[in-house]
Amino acid sequence: MAKTRLVHQFGMGSSIRSRDYTAAAARAIRDALWHHSLNVADAFGFPKEAMLIDVEIGVQQPEAVETAALLGIFPYGQPSISVVEGGLDVDKPDGGGTTVIANAAVIVSFDMEYRHD
């Protein structure tokens, strides 16, 4: 069996006032997931729990993201989350804070065997 990528989904999330990197990351994941209604597990005859979900989050301060808090977003499947430097921090013009922007890439795969017909 080989891990085979079937779906790539992308999202963006922000924390406008609280500079909460985890909240921005969660919003980016939800943005990626909630814009799609994909039934790939059903289409290939797999249980939804067999989905291998690789998530990469980009934020300016990766160490500030609590990845364990993000796992609960996924109702099924086997999520794995990594956080890298990316995203964007935008200072407010009045000096009153920073808006945090996170980007998410969500990749859904299954262990599948390739057959030559």
PDB file of N, CA and C in Angstrom:
ATOM      1  N   MET A   1       0.844  -1.178   0.000  1.00  0.00           N
ATOM      2  CA  MET A   1       0.000   0.000   0.000  1.00  0.00           C
ATOM      3  C   MET A   1       0.890   1.243   0.000  1.00  0.00           C
ATOM      4  N   ALA A   2       0.381   2.296  -0.591  1.00  0.00           N
ATOM      5  CA  ALA A   2       1.130   3.545  -0.651  1.00  0.00           C
ATOM      6  C   ALA A   2       0.210   4.709  -0.301  1.00  0.00           C
ATOM      7  N   LYS A   3       0.747   5.646   0.444  1.00  0.00           N
ATOM      8  CA  LYS A   3      -0.013   6.842   0.787  1.00  0.00           C
ATOM      9  C   LYS A   3      -0.237   7.634  -0.496  1.00  0.00           C
ATOM     10  N   THR A   4      -1.504   7.821  -0.862  1.00  0.00           N
ATOM     11  CA  THR A   4      -1.858   8.483  -2.111  1.00  0.00           C
ATOM     12  C   THR A   4      -2.670   9.733  -1.816  1.00  0.00           C
ATOM     13  N   ARG A   5      -2.161  10.875  -2.255  1.00  0.00           N
ATOM     14  CA  ARG A   5      -2.862  12.150  -2.054  1.00  0.00           C
ATOM     15  C   ARG A   5      -4.045  12.240  -3.009  1.00  0.00           C
ATOM     16  N   LEU A   6      -5.180  12.643  -2.460  1.00  0.00           N
ATOM     17  CA  LEU A   6      -6.378  12.791  -3.275  1.00  0.00           C
ATOM     18  C   LEU A   6      -6.933  14.209  -3.280  1.00  0.00           C
ATOM     19  N   VAL A   7      -6.758  14.931  -2.189  1.00  0.00           N
ATOM     20  CA  VAL A   7      -7.378  16.246  -2.066  1.00  0.00           C
ATOM     21  C   VAL A   7      -6.391  17.229  -1.440  1.00  0.00           C
ATOM     22  N   HIS A   8      -6.359  18.439  -1.999  1.00  0.00           N
ATOM     23  CA  HIS A   8      -5.624  19.559  -1.395  1.00  0.00           C
ATOM     24  C   HIS A   8      -6.639  20.663  -1.147  1.00  0.00           C
ATOM     25  N   GLN A   9      -6.679  21.168   0.070  1.00  0.00           N
ATOM     26  CA  GLN A   9      -7.577  22.264   0.395  1.00  0.00           C
ATOM     27  C   GLN A   9      -6.749  23.356   1.070  1.00  0.00           C
ATOM     28  N   PHE A  10      -7.102  24.614   0.801  1.00  0.00           N
ATOM     29  CA  PHE A  10      -6.329  25.725   1.337  1.00  0.00           C
ATOM     30  C   PHE A  10      -7.261  26.706   2.030  1.00  0.00           C
ATOM     31  N   GLY A  11      -6.769  27.326   3.109  1.00  0.00           N
ATOM     32  CA  GLY A  11      -7.589  28.288   3.824  1.00  0.00           C
ATOM     33  C   GLY A  11      -6.758  29.365   4.473  1.00  0.00           C
ATOM     34  N   MET A  12      -7.452  30.417   4.903  1.00  0.00           N
ATOM     35  CA  MET A  12      -6.827  31.551   5.564  1.00  0.00           C
ATOM     36  C   MET A  12      -7.685  31.915   6.760  1.00  0.00           C
ATOM     37  N   GLY A  13      -7.031  32.243   7.874  1.00  0.00           N
ATOM     38  CA  GLY A  13      -7.745  32.672   9.068  1.00  0.00           C
ATOM     39  C   GLY A  13      -6.990  33.790   9.748  1.00  0.00           C
ATOM     40  N   SER A  14      -7.703  34.549  10.569  1.00  0.00           N
ATOM     41  CA  SER A  14      -7.046  35.677  11.228  1.00  0.00           C
ATOM     42  C   SER A  14      -7.486  35.804  12.681  1.00  0.00           C
ATOM     43  N   SER A  15      -6.674  36.512  13.421  1.00  0.00           N
ATOM     44  CA  SER A  15      -6.992  36.938  14.780  1.00  0.00           C
ATOM     45  C   SER A  15      -6.798  38.446  14.765  1.00  0.00           C
ATOM     46  N   ILE A  16      -7.881  39.154  14.714  1.00  0.00           N
ATOM     47  CA  ILE A  16      -7.819  40.594  14.478  1.00  0.00           C
ATOM     48  C   ILE A  16      -7.397  41.383  15.710  1.00  0.00           C
ATOM     49  N   ARG A  17      -7.900  40.993  16.880  1.00  0.00           N
ATOM     50  CA  ARG A  17      -7.619  41.782  18.077  1.00  0.00           C
ATOM     51  C   ARG A  17      -6.707  41.098  19.093  1.00  0.00           C
ATOM     52  N   SER A  18      -6.857  39.802  19.262  1.00  0.00           N
ATOM     53  CA  SER A  18      -6.208  39.146  20.398  1.00  0.00           C
ATOM     54  C   SER A  18      -4.812  38.590  20.109  1.00  0.00           C
ATOM     55  N   ARG A  19      -4.372  38.667  18.883  1.00  0.00           N
ATOM     56  CA  ARG A  19      -3.058  38.151  18.485  1.00  0.00           C
ATOM     57  C   ARG A  19      -2.900  36.690  18.933  1.00  0.00           C
ATOM     58  N   ASP A  20      -3.955  35.915  18.679  1.00  0.00           N
ATOM     59  CA  ASP A  20      -4.017  34.516  19.077  1.00  0.00           C
ATOM     60  C   ASP A  20      -3.682  33.649  17.856  1.00  0.00           C
ATOM     61  N   TYR A  21      -2.472  33.123  17.835  1.00  0.00           N
ATOM     62  CA  TYR A  21      -2.000  32.347  16.690  1.00  0.00           C
ATOM     63  C   TYR A  21      -2.766  31.031  16.547  1.00  0.00           C
ATOM     64  N   THR A  22      -3.151  30.434  17.663  1.00  0.00           N
ATOM     65  CA  THR A  22      -3.914  29.185  17.600  1.00  0.00           C
ATOM     66  C   THR A  22      -5.306  29.443  17.021  1.00  0.00           C
ATOM     67  N   ALA A  23      -5.953  30.508  17.437  1.00  0.00           N
ATOM     68  CA  ALA A  23      -7.281  30.841  16.910  1.00  0.00           C
ATOM     69  C   ALA A  23      -7.207  31.133  15.412  1.00  0.00           C
ATOM     70  N   ALA A  24      -6.185  31.860  14.983  1.00  0.00           N
ATOM     71  CA  ALA A  24      -6.024  32.149  13.555  1.00  0.00           C
ATOM     72  C   ALA A  24      -5.803  30.860  12.771  1.00  0.00           C
ATOM     73  N   ALA A  25      -4.997  29.946  13.319  1.00  0.00           N
ATOM     74  CA  ALA A  25      -4.750  28.663  12.665  1.00  0.00           C
ATOM     75  C   ALA A  25      -6.034  27.843  12.568  1.00  0.00           C
ATOM     76  N   ALA A  26      -6.833  27.828  13.638  1.00  0.00           N
ATOM     77  CA  ALA A  26      -8.099  27.099  13.633  1.00  0.00           C
ATOM     78  C   ALA A  26      -9.038  27.665  12.580  1.00  0.00           C
ATOM     79  N   ARG A  27      -9.087  28.968  12.457  1.00  0.00           N
ATOM     80  CA  ARG A  27      -9.953  29.595  11.441  1.00  0.00           C
ATOM     81  C   ARG A  27      -9.467  29.260  10.027  1.00  0.00           C
ATOM     82  N   ALA A  28      -8.166  29.180   9.848  1.00  0.00           N
ATOM     83  CA  ALA A  28      -7.622  28.817   8.529  1.00  0.00           C
ATOM     84  C   ALA A  28      -7.987  27.379   8.171  1.00  0.00           C
ATOM     85  N   ILE A  29      -7.900  26.475   9.139  1.00  0.00           N
ATOM     86  CA  ILE A  29      -8.281  25.084   8.889  1.00  0.00           C
ATOM     87  C   ILE A  29      -9.762  25.006   8.552  1.00  0.00           C
ATOM     88  N   ARG A  30     -10.595  25.655   9.347  1.00  0.00           N
ATOM     89  CA  ARG A  30     -12.041  25.634   9.080  1.00  0.00           C
ATOM     90  C   ARG A  30     -12.365  26.248   7.723  1.00  0.00           C
ATOM     91  N   ASP A  31     -11.654  27.304   7.368  1.00  0.00           N
ATOM     92  CA  ASP A  31     -11.856  27.925   6.051  1.00  0.00           C
ATOM     93  C   ASP A  31     -11.586  26.916   4.942  1.00  0.00           C
ATOM     94  N   ALA A  32     -10.530  26.157   5.088  1.00  0.00           N
ATOM     95  CA  ALA A  32     -10.200  25.134   4.085  1.00  0.00           C
ATOM     96  C   ALA A  32     -11.257  24.037   4.049  1.00  0.00           C
ATOM     97  N   LEU A  33     -11.682  23.571   5.197  1.00  0.00           N
ATOM     98  CA  LEU A  33     -12.611  22.441   5.262  1.00  0.00           C
ATOM     99  C   LEU A  33     -14.052  22.807   4.932  1.00  0.00           C
ATOM    100  N   TRP A  34     -14.523  23.918   5.426  1.00  0.00           N
ATOM    101  CA  TRP A  34     -15.932  24.244   5.319  1.00  0.00           C
ATOM    102  C   TRP A  34     -16.328  24.808   3.964  1.00  0.00           C
ATOM    103  N   HIS A  35     -15.405  25.046   3.092  1.00  0.00           N
ATOM    104  CA  HIS A  35     -15.742  25.487   1.742  1.00  0.00           C
ATOM    105  C   HIS A  35     -15.933  24.324   0.791  1.00  0.00           C
ATOM    106  N   HIS A  36     -15.787  23.114   1.290  1.00  0.00           N
ATOM    107  CA  HIS A  36     -15.849  21.951   0.423  1.00  0.00           C
ATOM    108  C   HIS A  36     -16.752  20.893   1.041  1.00  0.00           C
ATOM    109  N   SER A  37     -17.394  20.159   0.188  1.00  0.00           N
ATOM    110  CA  SER A  37     -18.151  18.996   0.627  1.00  0.00           C
ATOM    111  C   SER A  37     -17.645  17.834  -0.213  1.00  0.00           C
ATOM    112  N   LEU A  38     -16.612  17.188   0.271  1.00  0.00           N
ATOM    113  CA  LEU A  38     -15.980  16.117  -0.483  1.00  0.00           C
ATOM    114  C   LEU A  38     -16.316  14.772   0.140  1.00  0.00           C
ATOM    115  N   ASN A  39     -16.631  13.844  -0.693  1.00  0.00           N
ATOM    116  CA  ASN A  39     -16.975  12.513  -0.229  1.00  0.00           C
ATOM    117  C   ASN A  39     -15.971  11.496  -0.758  1.00  0.00           C
ATOM    118  N   VAL A  40     -14.688  11.815  -0.661  1.00  0.00           N
ATOM    119  CA  VAL A  40     -13.671  10.932  -1.232  1.00  0.00           C
ATOM    120  C   VAL A  40     -13.629   9.583  -0.548  1.00  0.00           C
ATOM    121  N   ALA A  41     -13.865   9.541   0.752  1.00  0.00           N
ATOM    122  CA  ALA A  41     -13.857   8.255   1.451  1.00  0.00           C
ATOM    123  C   ALA A  41     -14.944   7.352   0.871  1.00  0.00           C
ATOM    124  N   ASP A  42     -16.134   7.882   0.756  1.00  0.00           N
ATOM    125  CA  ASP A  42     -17.244   7.111   0.183  1.00  0.00           C
ATOM    126  C   ASP A  42     -16.977   6.731  -1.271  1.00  0.00           C
ATOM    127  N   ALA A  43     -16.415   7.659  -2.030  1.00  0.00           N
ATOM    128  CA  ALA A  43     -16.167   7.403  -3.458  1.00  0.00           C
ATOM    129  C   ALA A  43     -15.206   6.241  -3.676  1.00  0.00           C
ATOM    130  N   PHE A  44     -14.267   6.056  -2.740  1.00  0.00           N
ATOM    131  CA  PHE A  44     -13.285   4.978  -2.884  1.00  0.00           C
ATOM    132  C   PHE A  44     -13.598   3.777  -1.993  1.00  0.00           C
ATOM    133  N   GLY A  45     -14.722   3.833  -1.290  1.00  0.00           N
ATOM    134  CA  GLY A  45     -15.114   2.720  -0.445  1.00  0.00           C
ATOM    135  C   GLY A  45     -14.329   2.583   0.846  1.00  0.00           C
ATOM    136  N   PHE A  46     -13.756   3.683   1.331  1.00  0.00           N
ATOM    137  CA  PHE A  46     -12.999   3.673   2.583  1.00  0.00           C
ATOM    138  C   PHE A  46     -13.861   4.220   3.715  1.00  0.00           C
ATOM    139  N   PRO A  47     -13.646   3.753   4.923  1.00  0.00           N
ATOM    140  CA  PRO A  47     -14.296   4.425   6.057  1.00  0.00           C
ATOM    141  C   PRO A  47     -13.653   5.795   6.249  1.00  0.00           C
ATOM    142  N   LYS A  48     -14.423   6.752   6.737  1.00  0.00           N
ATOM    143  CA  LYS A  48     -13.898   8.106   6.932  1.00  0.00           C
ATOM    144  C   LYS A  48     -12.728   8.125   7.916  1.00  0.00           C
ATOM    145  N   GLU A  49     -12.708   7.176   8.835  1.00  0.00           N
ATOM    146  CA  GLU A  49     -11.624   7.110   9.811  1.00  0.00           C
ATOM    147  C   GLU A  49     -10.289   6.779   9.148  1.00  0.00           C
ATOM    148  N   ALA A  50     -10.309   6.234   7.922  1.00  0.00           N
ATOM    149  CA  ALA A  50      -9.077   5.859   7.216  1.00  0.00           C
ATOM    150  C   ALA A  50      -8.398   7.049   6.540  1.00  0.00           C
ATOM    151  N   MET A  51      -9.051   8.223   6.555  1.00  0.00           N
ATOM    152  CA  MET A  51      -8.452   9.401   5.922  1.00  0.00           C
ATOM    153  C   MET A  51      -7.188   9.808   6.664  1.00  0.00           C
ATOM    154  N   LEU A  52      -6.112   9.970   5.931  1.00  0.00           N
ATOM    155  CA  LEU A  52      -4.855  10.483   6.473  1.00  0.00           C
ATOM    156  C   LEU A  52      -4.839  11.975   6.158  1.00  0.00           C
ATOM    157  N   ILE A  53      -4.873  12.799   7.166  1.00  0.00           N
ATOM    158  CA  ILE A  53      -5.013  14.240   6.984  1.00  0.00           C
ATOM    159  C   ILE A  53      -3.731  14.930   7.439  1.00  0.00           C
ATOM    160  N   ASP A  54      -3.005  15.487   6.494  1.00  0.00           N
ATOM    161  CA  ASP A  54      -1.787  16.245   6.798  1.00  0.00           C
ATOM    162  C   ASP A  54      -2.113  17.724   6.698  1.00  0.00           C
ATOM    163  N   VAL A  55      -1.850  18.437   7.776  1.00  0.00           N
ATOM    164  CA  VAL A  55      -2.151  19.866   7.834  1.00  0.00           C
ATOM    165  C   VAL A  55      -0.851  20.619   8.048  1.00  0.00           C
ATOM    166  N   GLU A  56      -0.631  21.627   7.228  1.00  0.00           N
ATOM    167  CA  GLU A  56       0.514  22.516   7.426  1.00  0.00           C
ATOM    168  C   GLU A  56      -0.024  23.923   7.629  1.00  0.00           C
ATOM    169  N   ILE A  57       0.373  24.525   8.732  1.00  0.00           N
ATOM    170  CA  ILE A  57      -0.056  25.877   9.086  1.00  0.00           C
ATOM    171  C   ILE A  57       1.136  26.804   8.968  1.00  0.00           C
ATOM    172  N   GLY A  58       0.929  27.955   8.368  1.00  0.00           N
ATOM    173  CA  GLY A  58       1.965  28.977   8.287  1.00  0.00           C
ATOM    174  C   GLY A  58       1.562  30.202   9.085  1.00  0.00           C
ATOM    175  N   VAL A  59       2.384  30.563  10.078  1.00  0.00           N
ATOM    176  CA  VAL A  59       2.189  31.780  10.875  1.00  0.00           C
ATOM    177  C   VAL A  59       3.560  32.377  11.167  1.00  0.00           C
ATOM    178  N   GLN A  60       3.571  33.626  11.551  1.00  0.00           N
ATOM    179  CA  GLN A  60       4.835  34.301  11.847  1.00  0.00           C
ATOM    180  C   GLN A  60       5.502  33.775  13.112  1.00  0.00           C
ATOM    181  N   GLN A  61       4.733  33.258  14.048  1.00  0.00           N
ATOM    182  CA  GLN A  61       5.309  32.715  15.282  1.00  0.00           C
ATOM    183  C   GLN A  61       4.815  31.277  15.482  1.00  0.00           C
ATOM    184  N   PRO A  62       5.415  30.315  14.776  1.00  0.00           N
ATOM    185  CA  PRO A  62       4.958  28.918  14.848  1.00  0.00           C
ATOM    186  C   PRO A  62       4.905  28.350  16.265  1.00  0.00           C
ATOM    187  N   GLU A  63       5.826  28.756  17.121  1.00  0.00           N
ATOM    188  CA  GLU A  63       5.863  28.229  18.480  1.00  0.00           C
ATOM    189  C   GLU A  63       4.659  28.659  19.315  1.00  0.00           C
ATOM    190  N   ALA A  64       3.909  29.654  18.858  1.00  0.00           N
ATOM    191  CA  ALA A  64       2.748  30.156  19.592  1.00  0.00           C
ATOM    192  C   ALA A  64       1.466  29.379  19.275  1.00  0.00           C
ATOM    193  N   VAL A  65       1.532  28.408  18.372  1.00  0.00           N
ATOM    194  CA  VAL A  65       0.351  27.625  17.991  1.00  0.00           C
ATOM    195  C   VAL A  65       0.307  26.348  18.824  1.00  0.00           C
ATOM    196  N   GLU A  66      -0.814  26.108  19.481  1.00  0.00           N
ATOM    197  CA  GLU A  66      -1.039  24.891  20.256  1.00  0.00           C
ATOM    198  C   GLU A  66      -1.678  23.844  19.336  1.00  0.00           C
ATOM    199  N   THR A  67      -0.854  22.986  18.752  1.00  0.00           N
ATOM    200  CA  THR A  67      -1.364  22.025  17.764  1.00  0.00           C
ATOM    201  C   THR A  67      -2.375  21.056  18.358  1.00  0.00           C
ATOM    202  N   ALA A  68      -2.221  20.684  19.618  1.00  0.00           N
ATOM    203  CA  ALA A  68      -3.170  19.751  20.237  1.00  0.00           C
ATOM    204  C   ALA A  68      -4.585  20.322  20.234  1.00  0.00           C
ATOM    205  N   ALA A  69      -4.709  21.637  20.362  1.00  0.00           N
ATOM    206  CA  ALA A  69      -6.025  22.279  20.353  1.00  0.00           C
ATOM    207  C   ALA A  69      -6.682  22.226  18.977  1.00  0.00           C
ATOM    208  N   LEU A  70      -5.887  22.044  17.927  1.00  0.00           N
ATOM    209  CA  LEU A  70      -6.421  22.031  16.563  1.00  0.00           C
ATOM    210  C   LEU A  70      -6.938  20.660  16.144  1.00  0.00           C
ATOM    211  N   LEU A  71      -6.479  19.617  16.798  1.00  0.00           N
ATOM    212  CA  LEU A  71      -6.876  18.262  16.409  1.00  0.00           C
ATOM    213  C   LEU A  71      -8.375  18.037  16.536  1.00  0.00           C
ATOM    214  N   GLY A  72      -9.015  18.689  17.494  1.00  0.00           N
ATOM    215  CA  GLY A  72     -10.447  18.532  17.716  1.00  0.00           C
ATOM    216  C   GLY A  72     -11.322  19.090  16.604  1.00  0.00           C
ATOM    217  N   ILE A  73     -10.749  19.837  15.692  1.00  0.00           N
ATOM    218  CA  ILE A  73     -11.513  20.384  14.574  1.00  0.00           C
ATOM    219  C   ILE A  73     -11.976  19.280  13.627  1.00  0.00           C
ATOM    220  N   PHE A  74     -11.203  18.215  13.553  1.00  0.00           N
ATOM    221  CA  PHE A  74     -11.474  17.156  12.588  1.00  0.00           C
ATOM    222  C   PHE A  74     -12.440  16.128  13.175  1.00  0.00           C
ATOM    223  N   PRO A  75     -13.616  15.958  12.566  1.00  0.00           N
ATOM    224  CA  PRO A  75     -14.605  15.029  13.117  1.00  0.00           C
ATOM    225  C   PRO A  75     -14.247  13.556  12.892  1.00  0.00           C
ATOM    226  N   TYR A  76     -13.355  13.286  11.966  1.00  0.00           N
ATOM    227  CA  TYR A  76     -12.911  11.924  11.690  1.00  0.00           C
ATOM    228  C   TYR A  76     -11.598  11.988  10.925  1.00  0.00           C
ATOM    229  N   GLY A  77     -11.027  10.835  10.677  1.00  0.00           N
ATOM    230  CA  GLY A  77      -9.737  10.783  10.003  1.00  0.00           C
ATOM    231  C   GLY A  77      -8.599  10.803  11.010  1.00  0.00           C
ATOM    232  N   GLN A  78      -7.393  10.802  10.491  1.00  0.00           N
ATOM    233  CA  GLN A  78      -6.177  10.766  11.302  1.00  0.00           C
ATOM    234  C   GLN A  78      -5.355  12.023  11.006  1.00  0.00           C
ATOM    235  N   PRO A  79      -5.670  13.138  11.687  1.00  0.00           N
ATOM    236  CA  PRO A  79      -4.961  14.381  11.402  1.00  0.00           C
ATOM    237  C   PRO A  79      -3.562  14.426  12.005  1.00  0.00           C
ATOM    238  N   SER A  80      -2.671  15.056  11.273  1.00  0.00           N
ATOM    239  CA  SER A  80      -1.308  15.329  11.709  1.00  0.00           C
ATOM    240  C   SER A  80      -1.033  16.794  11.370  1.00  0.00           C
ATOM    241  N   ILE A  81      -0.593  17.568  12.347  1.00  0.00           N
ATOM    242  CA  ILE A  81      -0.450  19.017  12.143  1.00  0.00           C
ATOM    243  C   ILE A  81       0.995  19.441  12.337  1.00  0.00           C
ATOM    244  N   SER A  82       1.498  20.210  11.372  1.00  0.00           N
ATOM    245  CA  SER A  82       2.812  20.830  11.522  1.00  0.00           C
ATOM    246  C   SER A  82       2.648  22.339  11.312  1.00  0.00           C
ATOM    247  N   VAL A  83       3.485  23.081  12.000  1.00  0.00           N
ATOM    248  CA  VAL A  83       3.410  24.541  11.917  1.00  0.00           C
ATOM    249  C   VAL A  83       4.771  25.062  11.466  1.00  0.00           C
ATOM    250  N   VAL A  84       4.741  25.926  10.464  1.00  0.00           N
ATOM    251  CA  VAL A  84       5.964  26.487   9.903  1.00  0.00           C
ATOM    252  C   VAL A  84       5.863  28.015   9.890  1.00  0.00           C
ATOM    253  N   GLU A  85       6.992  28.649   9.672  1.00  0.00           N
ATOM    254  CA  GLU A  85       6.976  30.111   9.567  1.00  0.00           C
ATOM    255  C   GLU A  85       6.327  30.498   8.254  1.00  0.00           C
ATOM    256  N   GLY A  86       5.394  31.413   8.342  1.00  0.00           N
ATOM    257  CA  GLY A  86       4.655  31.869   7.164  1.00  0.00           C
ATOM    258  C   GLY A  86       3.610  32.864   7.621  1.00  0.00           C
ATOM    259  N   GLY A  87       2.496  32.905   6.924  1.00  0.00           N
ATOM    260  CA  GLY A  87       1.437  33.821   7.311  1.00  0.00           C
ATOM    261  C   GLY A  87       1.897  35.261   7.290  1.00  0.00           C
ATOM    262  N   LEU A  88       1.234  36.080   8.085  1.00  0.00           N
ATOM    263  CA  LEU A  88       1.530  37.510   8.068  1.00  0.00           C
ATOM    264  C   LEU A  88       1.056  38.139   9.370  1.00  0.00           C
ATOM    265  N   ASP A  89       1.868  38.997   9.946  1.00  0.00           N
ATOM    266  CA  ASP A  89       1.463  39.835  11.069  1.00  0.00           C
ATOM    267  C   ASP A  89       1.368  41.260  10.536  1.00  0.00           C
ATOM    268  N   VAL A  90       0.226  41.885  10.769  1.00  0.00           N
ATOM    269  CA  VAL A  90       0.003  43.240  10.261  1.00  0.00           C
ATOM    270  C   VAL A  90      -0.247  44.167  11.442  1.00  0.00           C
ATOM    271  N   ASP A  91       0.676  45.109  11.659  1.00  0.00           N
ATOM    272  CA  ASP A  91       0.512  46.081  12.745  1.00  0.00           C
ATOM    273  C   ASP A  91      -0.594  47.063  12.390  1.00  0.00           C
ATOM    274  N   LYS A  92      -1.380  47.400  13.387  1.00  0.00           N
ATOM    275  CA  LYS A  92      -2.448  48.379  13.179  1.00  0.00           C
ATOM    276  C   LYS A  92      -1.835  49.770  13.059  1.00  0.00           C
ATOM    277  N   PRO A  93      -2.391  50.632  12.233  1.00  0.00           N
ATOM    278  CA  PRO A  93      -1.777  51.941  11.976  1.00  0.00           C
ATOM    279  C   PRO A  93      -1.671  52.834  13.206  1.00  0.00           C
ATOM    280  N   ASP A  94      -2.559  52.633  14.186  1.00  0.00           N
ATOM    281  CA  ASP A  94      -2.513  53.468  15.378  1.00  0.00           C
ATOM    282  C   ASP A  94      -1.586  52.905  16.451  1.00  0.00           C
ATOM    283  N   GLY A  95      -0.898  51.775  16.128  1.00  0.00           N
ATOM    284  CA  GLY A  95      -0.009  51.148  17.094  1.00  0.00           C
ATOM    285  C   GLY A  95      -0.746  50.360  18.166  1.00  0.00           C
ATOM    286  N   GLY A  96      -2.049  50.162  17.967  1.00  0.00           N
ATOM    287  CA  GLY A  96      -2.877  49.516  18.978  1.00  0.00           C
ATOM    288  C   GLY A  96      -2.956  48.007  18.886  1.00  0.00           C
ATOM    289  N   GLY A  97      -2.017  47.392  18.225  1.00  0.00           N
ATOM    290  CA  GLY A  97      -2.041  45.927  18.168  1.00  0.00           C
ATOM    291  C   GLY A  97      -1.610  45.386  16.826  1.00  0.00           C
ATOM    292  N   THR A  98      -1.738  44.089  16.701  1.00  0.00           N
ATOM    293  CA  THR A  98      -1.311  43.386  15.495  1.00  0.00           C
ATOM    294  C   THR A  98      -2.375  42.378  15.097  1.00  0.00           C
ATOM    295  N   THR A  99      -2.682  42.322  13.831  1.00  0.00           N
ATOM    296  CA  THR A  99      -3.563  41.295  13.291  1.00  0.00           C
ATOM    297  C   THR A  99      -2.698  40.144  12.808  1.00  0.00           C
ATOM    298  N   VAL A 100      -3.075  38.935  13.216  1.00  0.00           N
ATOM    299  CA  VAL A 100      -2.360  37.725  12.839  1.00  0.00           C
ATOM    300  C   VAL A 100      -3.123  37.034  11.712  1.00  0.00           C
ATOM    301  N   ILE A 101      -2.412  36.683  10.653  1.00  0.00           N
ATOM    302  CA  ILE A 101      -3.012  35.946   9.539  1.00  0.00           C
ATOM    303  C   ILE A 101      -2.291  34.612   9.404  1.00  0.00           C
ATOM    304  N   ALA A 102      -3.077  33.534   9.382  1.00  0.00           N
ATOM    305  CA  ALA A 102      -2.539  32.180   9.240  1.00  0.00           C
ATOM    306  C   ALA A 102      -3.020  31.585   7.920  1.00  0.00           C
ATOM    307  N   ASN A 103      -2.177  30.779   7.315  1.00  0.00           N
ATOM    308  CA  ASN A 103      -2.538  30.032   6.114  1.00  0.00           C
ATOM    309  C   ASN A 103      -2.514  28.552   6.456  1.00  0.00           C
ATOM    310  N   ALA A 104      -3.423  27.802   5.846  1.00  0.00           N
ATOM    311  CA  ALA A 104      -3.485  26.360   6.092  1.00  0.00           C
ATOM    312  C   ALA A 104      -3.542  25.614   4.767  1.00  0.00           C
ATOM    313  N   ALA A 105      -2.800  24.520   4.707  1.00  0.00           N
ATOM    314  CA  ALA A 105      -2.911  23.553   3.610  1.00  0.00           C
ATOM    315  C   ALA A 105      -3.342  22.243   4.254  1.00  0.00           C
ATOM    316  N   VAL A 106      -4.456  21.704   3.783  1.00  0.00           N
ATOM    317  CA  VAL A 106      -4.988  20.448   4.301  1.00  0.00           C
ATOM    318  C   VAL A 106      -4.942  19.436   3.161  1.00  0.00           C
ATOM    319  N   ILE A 107      -4.217  18.347   3.379  1.00  0.00           N
ATOM    320  CA  ILE A 107      -4.039  17.328   2.343  1.00  0.00           C
ATOM    321  C   ILE A 107      -4.637  16.024   2.849  1.00  0.00           C
ATOM    322  N   VAL A 108      -5.567  15.471   2.072  1.00  0.00           N
ATOM    323  CA  VAL A 108      -6.222  14.221   2.442  1.00  0.00           C
ATOM    324  C   VAL A 108      -5.678  13.106   1.554  1.00  0.00           C
ATOM    325  N   SER A 109      -5.236  12.042   2.214  1.00  0.00           N
ATOM    326  CA  SER A 109      -4.677  10.878   1.519  1.00  0.00           C
ATOM    327  C   SER A 109      -5.305   9.604   2.073  1.00  0.00           C
ATOM    328  N   PHE A 110      -5.105   8.521   1.336  1.00  0.00           N
ATOM    329  CA  PHE A 110      -5.468   7.187   1.802  1.00  0.00           C
ATOM    330  C   PHE A 110      -4.327   6.247   1.467  1.00  0.00           C
ATOM    331  N   ASP A 111      -4.203   5.181   2.230  1.00  0.00           N
ATOM    332  CA  ASP A 111      -3.292   4.110   1.847  1.00  0.00           C
ATOM    333  C   ASP A 111      -3.999   3.322   0.759  1.00  0.00           C
ATOM    334  N   MET A 112      -3.452   3.395  -0.444  1.00  0.00           N
ATOM    335  CA  MET A 112      -4.103   2.756  -1.591  1.00  0.00           C
ATOM    336  C   MET A 112      -3.084   1.948  -2.377  1.00  0.00           C
ATOM    337  N   GLU A 113      -3.567   0.926  -3.004  1.00  0.00           N
ATOM    338  CA  GLU A 113      -2.725   0.106  -3.871  1.00  0.00           C
ATOM    339  C   GLU A 113      -3.025   0.492  -5.311  1.00  0.00           C
ATOM    340  N   TYR A 114      -1.976   0.769  -6.061  1.00  0.00           N
ATOM    341  CA  TYR A 114      -2.137   1.104  -7.469  1.00  0.00           C
ATOM    342  C   TYR A 114      -2.239  -0.191  -8.282  1.00  0.00           C
ATOM    343  N   ARG A 115      -3.252  -0.265  -9.121  1.00  0.00           N
ATOM    344  CA  ARG A 115      -3.431  -1.470  -9.929  1.00  0.00           C
ATOM    345  C   ARG A 115      -3.287  -1.117 -11.417  1.00  0.00           C
ATOM    346  N   HIS A 116      -2.618  -1.954 -12.140  1.00  0.00           N
ATOM    347  CA  HIS A 116      -2.513  -1.833 -13.592  1.00  0.00           C
ATOM    348  C   HIS A 116      -3.625  -2.673 -14.205  1.00  0.00           C
ATOM    349  N   ASP A 117      -4.505  -2.078 -14.942  1.00  0.00           N
ATOM    350  CA  ASP A 117      -5.590  -2.842 -15.582  1.00  0.00           C
ATOM    351  C   ASP A 117      -5.344  -2.987 -17.057  1.00  0.00           C
TER     352      ASP A 117
END
